[in-house]
Amino acid sequence: MRNAGRRRNAGSRRAWLSKLAAVALVAAAALFGGAAPARCVVYESREEALARAFPPPAVIERRTHFLTSPQRERASREAHSKVESALVVAYVGKMGERLLGTAYFDTHPVRTLTETILVAVRPDGSVGTVDVVAFGEPEDYLPRPAWLRLFEGRRLDAELAVGRGLAHVSGATLTTRAIADAVRRVLAVHAVLQKTP
């Protein structure tokens, strides 16, 4: 009888932990706008990542945009990568009246699991910073911060690709390509939004 009671308690504990894990995954998915795999490591919250892009006392304003079909097609064409969603959330950083830049989160697959990056775009349309916020693949596939700094100041052109203006990283080929594609998408979407009255 005691053993049966212990088994029931252990089963209840496992069920409770499973529910807790499911809630955590749903929360992570809601935070970054994509499916969060069970192994996903979240390095920063959305607020922490934005504060690094636009440090206090900057004010960050969230803006929601809905791309039309022609806008999505144009952005996909310029990025050489399909823009899947019409919903775009932009975070505009300002210091008083001065525009610091606009940041976007992009969640995308690497191999079989996803990563989320933050791309900050400067007022002139070039890349400010790129940060990996969450990563589902093994960390061996994650490029070093020095490689991410190669994006700073770059624009949407033919050189913004691995093997051209961006170096190959041994052991992280799929990750670096996925990040480069995401940065291209962000720059293309940003350019399209800037042309929207």
C-alpha atoms as a PDB file:
ATOM      1  CA  MET A   1       0.000   0.000   0.000  1.00  0.00           C
ATOM      2  CA  ARG A   2       2.798   2.397   0.866  1.00  0.00           C
ATOM      3  CA  ASN A   3       4.580   1.605  -2.413  1.00  0.00           C
ATOM      4  CA  ALA A   4       1.372   2.271  -4.359  1.00  0.00           C
ATOM      5  CA  GLY A   5       1.046   5.642  -2.601  1.00  0.00           C
ATOM      6  CA  ARG A   6       4.638   6.544  -3.420  1.00  0.00           C
ATOM      7  CA  ARG A   7       4.101   5.628  -7.087  1.00  0.00           C
ATOM      8  CA  ARG A   8       1.003   7.845  -7.202  1.00  0.00           C
ATOM      9  CA  ASN A   9       2.959  10.737  -5.618  1.00  0.00           C
ATOM     10  CA  ALA A  10       5.845  10.274  -8.058  1.00  0.00           C
ATOM     11  CA  GLY A  11       3.364  10.198 -10.952  1.00  0.00           C
ATOM     12  CA  SER A  12       1.687  13.376  -9.703  1.00  0.00           C
ATOM     13  CA  ARG A  13       5.075  15.088  -9.339  1.00  0.00           C
ATOM     14  CA  ARG A  14       6.052  14.111 -12.920  1.00  0.00           C
ATOM     15  CA  ALA A  15       2.718  15.371 -14.261  1.00  0.00           C
ATOM     16  CA  TRP A  16       3.165  18.664 -12.388  1.00  0.00           C
ATOM     17  CA  LEU A  17       6.721  19.102 -13.767  1.00  0.00           C
ATOM     18  CA  SER A  18       5.502  18.331 -17.295  1.00  0.00           C
ATOM     19  CA  LYS A  19       2.797  20.996 -16.978  1.00  0.00           C
ATOM     20  CA  LEU A  20       5.353  23.473 -15.640  1.00  0.00           C
ATOM     21  CA  ALA A  21       7.699  22.774 -18.577  1.00  0.00           C
ATOM     22  CA  ALA A  22       4.819  23.221 -21.035  1.00  0.00           C
ATOM     23  CA  VAL A  23       3.920  26.586 -19.478  1.00  0.00           C
ATOM     24  CA  ALA A  24       7.579  27.682 -19.731  1.00  0.00           C
ATOM     25  CA  LEU A  25       7.686  26.733 -23.422  1.00  0.00           C
ATOM     26  CA  VAL A  26       4.470  28.615 -24.175  1.00  0.00           C
ATOM     27  CA  ALA A  27       5.839  31.663 -22.339  1.00  0.00           C
ATOM     28  CA  ALA A  28       9.089  31.528 -24.324  1.00  0.00           C
ATOM     29  CA  ALA A  29       7.169  31.166 -27.590  1.00  0.00           C
ATOM     30  CA  ALA A  30       4.980  34.166 -26.728  1.00  0.00           C
ATOM     31  CA  LEU A  31       8.025  36.214 -25.762  1.00  0.00           C
ATOM     32  CA  PHE A  32       9.910  35.707 -29.014  1.00  0.00           C
ATOM     33  CA  GLY A  33       7.119  35.099 -31.483  1.00  0.00           C
ATOM     34  CA  GLY A  34       7.995  31.536 -32.429  1.00  0.00           C
ATOM     35  CA  ALA A  35       8.012  27.963 -31.255  1.00  0.00           C
ATOM     36  CA  ALA A  36      10.499  27.451 -28.444  1.00  0.00           C
ATOM     37  CA  PRO A  37      12.008  23.945 -28.388  1.00  0.00           C
ATOM     38  CA  ALA A  38      12.505  22.081 -25.130  1.00  0.00           C
ATOM     39  CA  ARG A  39      16.289  22.529 -25.248  1.00  0.00           C
ATOM     40  CA  CYS A  40      16.166  26.241 -26.101  1.00  0.00           C
ATOM     41  CA  VAL A  41      18.534  28.290 -23.946  1.00  0.00           C
ATOM     42  CA  VAL A  42      17.288  31.853 -23.385  1.00  0.00           C
ATOM     43  CA  TYR A  43      20.263  34.159 -22.788  1.00  0.00           C
ATOM     44  CA  GLU A  44      18.352  37.396 -22.263  1.00  0.00           C
ATOM     45  CA  SER A  45      14.779  38.523 -21.818  1.00  0.00           C
ATOM     46  CA  ARG A  46      13.283  40.792 -24.435  1.00  0.00           C
ATOM     47  CA  GLU A  47      13.691  43.782 -22.109  1.00  0.00           C
ATOM     48  CA  GLU A  48      17.354  42.970 -21.382  1.00  0.00           C
ATOM     49  CA  ALA A  49      18.189  42.588 -25.078  1.00  0.00           C
ATOM     50  CA  LEU A  50      16.498  45.875 -25.950  1.00  0.00           C
ATOM     51  CA  ALA A  51      18.268  47.662 -23.077  1.00  0.00           C
ATOM     52  CA  ARG A  52      21.611  46.487 -24.481  1.00  0.00           C
ATOM     53  CA  ALA A  53      20.667  47.775 -27.939  1.00  0.00           C
ATOM     54  CA  PHE A  54      19.418  51.110 -26.579  1.00  0.00           C
ATOM     55  CA  PRO A  55      20.906  51.609 -23.081  1.00  0.00           C
ATOM     56  CA  PRO A  56      19.049  53.741 -20.501  1.00  0.00           C
ATOM     57  CA  PRO A  57      18.040  56.496 -20.316  1.00  0.00           C
ATOM     58  CA  ALA A  58      16.870  55.813 -23.890  1.00  0.00           C
ATOM     59  CA  VAL A  59      13.117  55.411 -24.350  1.00  0.00           C
ATOM     60  CA  ILE A  60      11.956  52.388 -26.360  1.00  0.00           C
ATOM     61  CA  GLU A  61       8.628  52.520 -28.160  1.00  0.00           C
ATOM     62  CA  ARG A  62       6.958  49.355 -29.505  1.00  0.00           C
ATOM     63  CA  ARG A  63       5.314  49.727 -32.918  1.00  0.00           C
ATOM     64  CA  THR A  64       3.232  47.083 -34.687  1.00  0.00           C
ATOM     65  CA  HIS A  65       3.070  46.989 -38.492  1.00  0.00           C
ATOM     66  CA  PHE A  66       1.139  44.818 -40.937  1.00  0.00           C
ATOM     67  CA  LEU A  67       2.848  44.301 -44.276  1.00  0.00           C
ATOM     68  CA  THR A  68       0.734  44.149 -47.411  1.00  0.00           C
ATOM     69  CA  SER A  69       1.309  41.274 -49.855  1.00  0.00           C
ATOM     70  CA  PRO A  70       3.305  43.522 -52.252  1.00  0.00           C
ATOM     71  CA  GLN A  71       5.456  44.725 -49.323  1.00  0.00           C
ATOM     72  CA  ARG A  72       6.183  41.143 -48.231  1.00  0.00           C
ATOM     73  CA  GLU A  73       7.041  40.170 -51.810  1.00  0.00           C
ATOM     74  CA  ARG A  74       9.370  43.158 -52.182  1.00  0.00           C
ATOM     75  CA  ALA A  75      11.098  42.467 -48.849  1.00  0.00           C
ATOM     76  CA  SER A  76      11.472  38.751 -49.689  1.00  0.00           C
ATOM     77  CA  ARG A  77      12.944  39.619 -53.080  1.00  0.00           C
ATOM     78  CA  GLU A  78      15.467  42.082 -51.616  1.00  0.00           C
ATOM     79  CA  ALA A  79      16.404  39.721 -48.761  1.00  0.00           C
ATOM     80  CA  HIS A  80      16.676  36.615 -51.020  1.00  0.00           C
ATOM     81  CA  SER A  81      14.755  34.928 -48.189  1.00  0.00           C
ATOM     82  CA  LYS A  82      10.997  34.575 -47.686  1.00  0.00           C
ATOM     83  CA  VAL A  83       9.361  36.948 -45.229  1.00  0.00           C
ATOM     84  CA  GLU A  84       6.815  34.574 -43.685  1.00  0.00           C
ATOM     85  CA  SER A  85       4.688  36.846 -41.518  1.00  0.00           C
ATOM     86  CA  ALA A  86       2.805  40.023 -42.325  1.00  0.00           C
ATOM     87  CA  LEU A  87       3.021  41.047 -38.660  1.00  0.00           C
ATOM     88  CA  VAL A  88       6.165  43.030 -37.822  1.00  0.00           C
ATOM     89  CA  VAL A  89       6.954  44.368 -34.367  1.00  0.00           C
ATOM     90  CA  ALA A  90       9.555  47.140 -34.279  1.00  0.00           C
ATOM     91  CA  TYR A  91      11.167  48.669 -31.182  1.00  0.00           C
ATOM     92  CA  VAL A  92      12.173  52.275 -31.786  1.00  0.00           C
ATOM     93  CA  GLY A  93      14.889  53.650 -29.521  1.00  0.00           C
ATOM     94  CA  LYS A  94      15.029  57.394 -28.862  1.00  0.00           C
ATOM     95  CA  MET A  95      17.030  59.775 -26.696  1.00  0.00           C
ATOM     96  CA  GLY A  96      14.795  62.819 -26.391  1.00  0.00           C
ATOM     97  CA  GLU A  97      13.912  63.685 -29.977  1.00  0.00           C
ATOM     98  CA  ARG A  98      16.982  61.909 -31.413  1.00  0.00           C
ATOM     99  CA  LEU A  99      16.359  58.561 -33.096  1.00  0.00           C
ATOM    100  CA  LEU A 100      18.895  55.937 -31.968  1.00  0.00           C
ATOM    101  CA  GLY A 101      17.636  53.133 -34.175  1.00  0.00           C
ATOM    102  CA  THR A 102      15.030  50.415 -34.581  1.00  0.00           C
ATOM    103  CA  ALA A 103      15.326  46.862 -33.267  1.00  0.00           C
ATOM    104  CA  TYR A 104      13.615  43.692 -34.464  1.00  0.00           C
ATOM    105  CA  PHE A 105      13.508  40.114 -33.154  1.00  0.00           C
ATOM    106  CA  ASP A 106      13.729  37.292 -35.697  1.00  0.00           C
ATOM    107  CA  THR A 107      13.014  33.667 -34.742  1.00  0.00           C
ATOM    108  CA  HIS A 108      14.037  31.083 -37.341  1.00  0.00           C
ATOM    109  CA  PRO A 109      15.187  27.455 -37.674  1.00  0.00           C
ATOM    110  CA  VAL A 110      18.900  26.619 -37.760  1.00  0.00           C
ATOM    111  CA  ARG A 111      18.985  22.867 -38.310  1.00  0.00           C
ATOM    112  CA  THR A 112      15.990  21.240 -36.650  1.00  0.00           C
ATOM    113  CA  LEU A 113      15.665  23.702 -33.746  1.00  0.00           C
ATOM    114  CA  THR A 114      15.244  27.461 -33.593  1.00  0.00           C
ATOM    115  CA  GLU A 115      17.146  30.530 -32.507  1.00  0.00           C
ATOM    116  CA  THR A 116      16.035  34.092 -31.839  1.00  0.00           C
ATOM    117  CA  ILE A 117      18.236  37.047 -32.647  1.00  0.00           C
ATOM    118  CA  LEU A 118      17.857  40.764 -32.116  1.00  0.00           C
ATOM    119  CA  VAL A 119      18.950  43.054 -34.947  1.00  0.00           C
ATOM    120  CA  ALA A 120      19.279  46.780 -34.241  1.00  0.00           C
ATOM    121  CA  VAL A 121      19.171  48.988 -37.342  1.00  0.00           C
ATOM    122  CA  ARG A 122      20.776  52.434 -37.255  1.00  0.00           C
ATOM    123  CA  PRO A 123      18.889  55.529 -38.496  1.00  0.00           C
ATOM    124  CA  ASP A 124      20.916  55.400 -41.747  1.00  0.00           C
ATOM    125  CA  GLY A 125      19.640  51.854 -42.475  1.00  0.00           C
ATOM    126  CA  SER A 126      22.868  50.019 -41.631  1.00  0.00           C
ATOM    127  CA  VAL A 127      23.223  47.300 -38.993  1.00  0.00           C
ATOM    128  CA  GLY A 128      23.920  48.498 -35.464  1.00  0.00           C
ATOM    129  CA  THR A 129      24.209  45.288 -33.450  1.00  0.00           C
ATOM    130  CA  VAL A 130      23.258  41.617 -33.773  1.00  0.00           C
ATOM    131  CA  ASP A 131      22.734  39.512 -30.645  1.00  0.00           C
ATOM    132  CA  VAL A 132      21.660  35.904 -30.159  1.00  0.00           C
ATOM    133  CA  VAL A 133      18.890  36.017 -27.565  1.00  0.00           C
ATOM    134  CA  ALA A 134      17.815  32.347 -27.507  1.00  0.00           C
ATOM    135  CA  PHE A 135      19.377  29.240 -29.054  1.00  0.00           C
ATOM    136  CA  GLY A 136      17.911  25.752 -29.375  1.00  0.00           C
ATOM    137  CA  GLU A 137      20.774  23.924 -31.064  1.00  0.00           C
ATOM    138  CA  PRO A 138      23.845  22.630 -29.177  1.00  0.00           C
ATOM    139  CA  GLU A 139      26.014  25.578 -28.131  1.00  0.00           C
ATOM    140  CA  ASP A 140      28.937  24.179 -30.178  1.00  0.00           C
ATOM    141  CA  TYR A 141      27.065  25.517 -33.230  1.00  0.00           C
ATOM    142  CA  LEU A 142      26.920  29.056 -31.862  1.00  0.00           C
ATOM    143  CA  PRO A 143      29.347  31.585 -33.451  1.00  0.00           C
ATOM    144  CA  ARG A 144      31.492  33.776 -31.201  1.00  0.00           C
ATOM    145  CA  PRO A 145      30.545  37.395 -30.430  1.00  0.00           C
ATOM    146  CA  ALA A 146      33.476  38.590 -32.603  1.00  0.00           C
ATOM    147  CA  TRP A 147      31.778  37.052 -35.648  1.00  0.00           C
ATOM    148  CA  LEU A 148      28.481  38.792 -34.818  1.00  0.00           C
ATOM    149  CA  ARG A 149      30.345  42.115 -34.703  1.00  0.00           C
ATOM    150  CA  LEU A 150      31.163  41.661 -38.412  1.00  0.00           C
ATOM    151  CA  PHE A 151      27.599  42.828 -39.148  1.00  0.00           C
ATOM    152  CA  GLU A 152      28.077  46.269 -37.601  1.00  0.00           C
ATOM    153  CA  GLY A 153      27.800  49.025 -40.205  1.00  0.00           C
ATOM    154  CA  ARG A 154      26.816  46.636 -43.019  1.00  0.00           C
ATOM    155  CA  ARG A 155      24.007  47.294 -45.454  1.00  0.00           C
ATOM    156  CA  LEU A 156      21.726  45.085 -47.527  1.00  0.00           C
ATOM    157  CA  ASP A 157      23.980  44.259 -50.462  1.00  0.00           C
ATOM    158  CA  ALA A 158      25.701  41.277 -52.108  1.00  0.00           C
ATOM    159  CA  GLU A 159      28.498  41.321 -49.510  1.00  0.00           C
ATOM    160  CA  LEU A 160      26.072  40.606 -46.661  1.00  0.00           C
ATOM    161  CA  ALA A 161      26.476  36.842 -47.012  1.00  0.00           C
ATOM    162  CA  VAL A 162      28.633  34.070 -45.557  1.00  0.00           C
ATOM    163  CA  GLY A 163      31.582  33.455 -47.858  1.00  0.00           C
ATOM    164  CA  ARG A 164      31.525  37.038 -49.150  1.00  0.00           C
ATOM    165  CA  GLY A 165      31.685  39.852 -46.605  1.00  0.00           C
ATOM    166  CA  LEU A 166      31.134  37.426 -43.719  1.00  0.00           C
ATOM    167  CA  ALA A 167      33.670  34.742 -42.844  1.00  0.00           C
ATOM    168  CA  HIS A 168      32.849  31.036 -42.659  1.00  0.00           C
ATOM    169  CA  VAL A 169      32.880  29.589 -39.140  1.00  0.00           C
ATOM    170  CA  SER A 170      33.947  25.962 -38.917  1.00  0.00           C
ATOM    171  CA  GLY A 171      31.313  23.899 -37.103  1.00  0.00           C
ATOM    172  CA  ALA A 172      28.713  26.680 -37.237  1.00  0.00           C
ATOM    173  CA  THR A 173      28.018  26.911 -40.968  1.00  0.00           C
ATOM    174  CA  LEU A 174      24.237  26.484 -40.722  1.00  0.00           C
ATOM    175  CA  THR A 175      23.995  28.921 -37.812  1.00  0.00           C
ATOM    176  CA  THR A 176      25.994  31.655 -39.537  1.00  0.00           C
ATOM    177  CA  ARG A 177      23.943  31.289 -42.723  1.00  0.00           C
ATOM    178  CA  ALA A 178      20.687  31.395 -40.747  1.00  0.00           C
ATOM    179  CA  ILE A 179      21.824  34.550 -38.923  1.00  0.00           C
ATOM    180  CA  ALA A 180      22.956  36.235 -42.157  1.00  0.00           C
ATOM    181  CA  ASP A 181      19.605  35.407 -43.803  1.00  0.00           C
ATOM    182  CA  ALA A 182      17.739  36.800 -40.779  1.00  0.00           C
ATOM    183  CA  VAL A 183      19.743  40.047 -40.824  1.00  0.00           C
ATOM    184  CA  ARG A 184      19.020  40.418 -44.547  1.00  0.00           C
ATOM    185  CA  ARG A 185      15.281  39.903 -43.860  1.00  0.00           C
ATOM    186  CA  VAL A 186      15.290  42.494 -41.095  1.00  0.00           C
ATOM    187  CA  LEU A 187      17.065  45.081 -43.251  1.00  0.00           C
ATOM    188  CA  ALA A 188      14.703  44.423 -46.163  1.00  0.00           C
ATOM    189  CA  VAL A 189      11.587  44.703 -43.973  1.00  0.00           C
ATOM    190  CA  HIS A 190      12.977  47.852 -42.328  1.00  0.00           C
ATOM    191  CA  ALA A 191      13.599  49.419 -45.754  1.00  0.00           C
ATOM    192  CA  VAL A 192      10.048  48.595 -46.850  1.00  0.00           C
ATOM    193  CA  LEU A 193       8.594  50.101 -43.668  1.00  0.00           C
ATOM    194  CA  GLN A 194      10.605  53.286 -44.127  1.00  0.00           C
ATOM    195  CA  LYS A 195       8.900  53.769 -47.499  1.00  0.00           C
ATOM    196  CA  THR A 196       5.450  53.379 -45.912  1.00  0.00           C
ATOM    197  CA  PRO A 197       3.811  56.749 -45.223  1.00  0.00           C
END
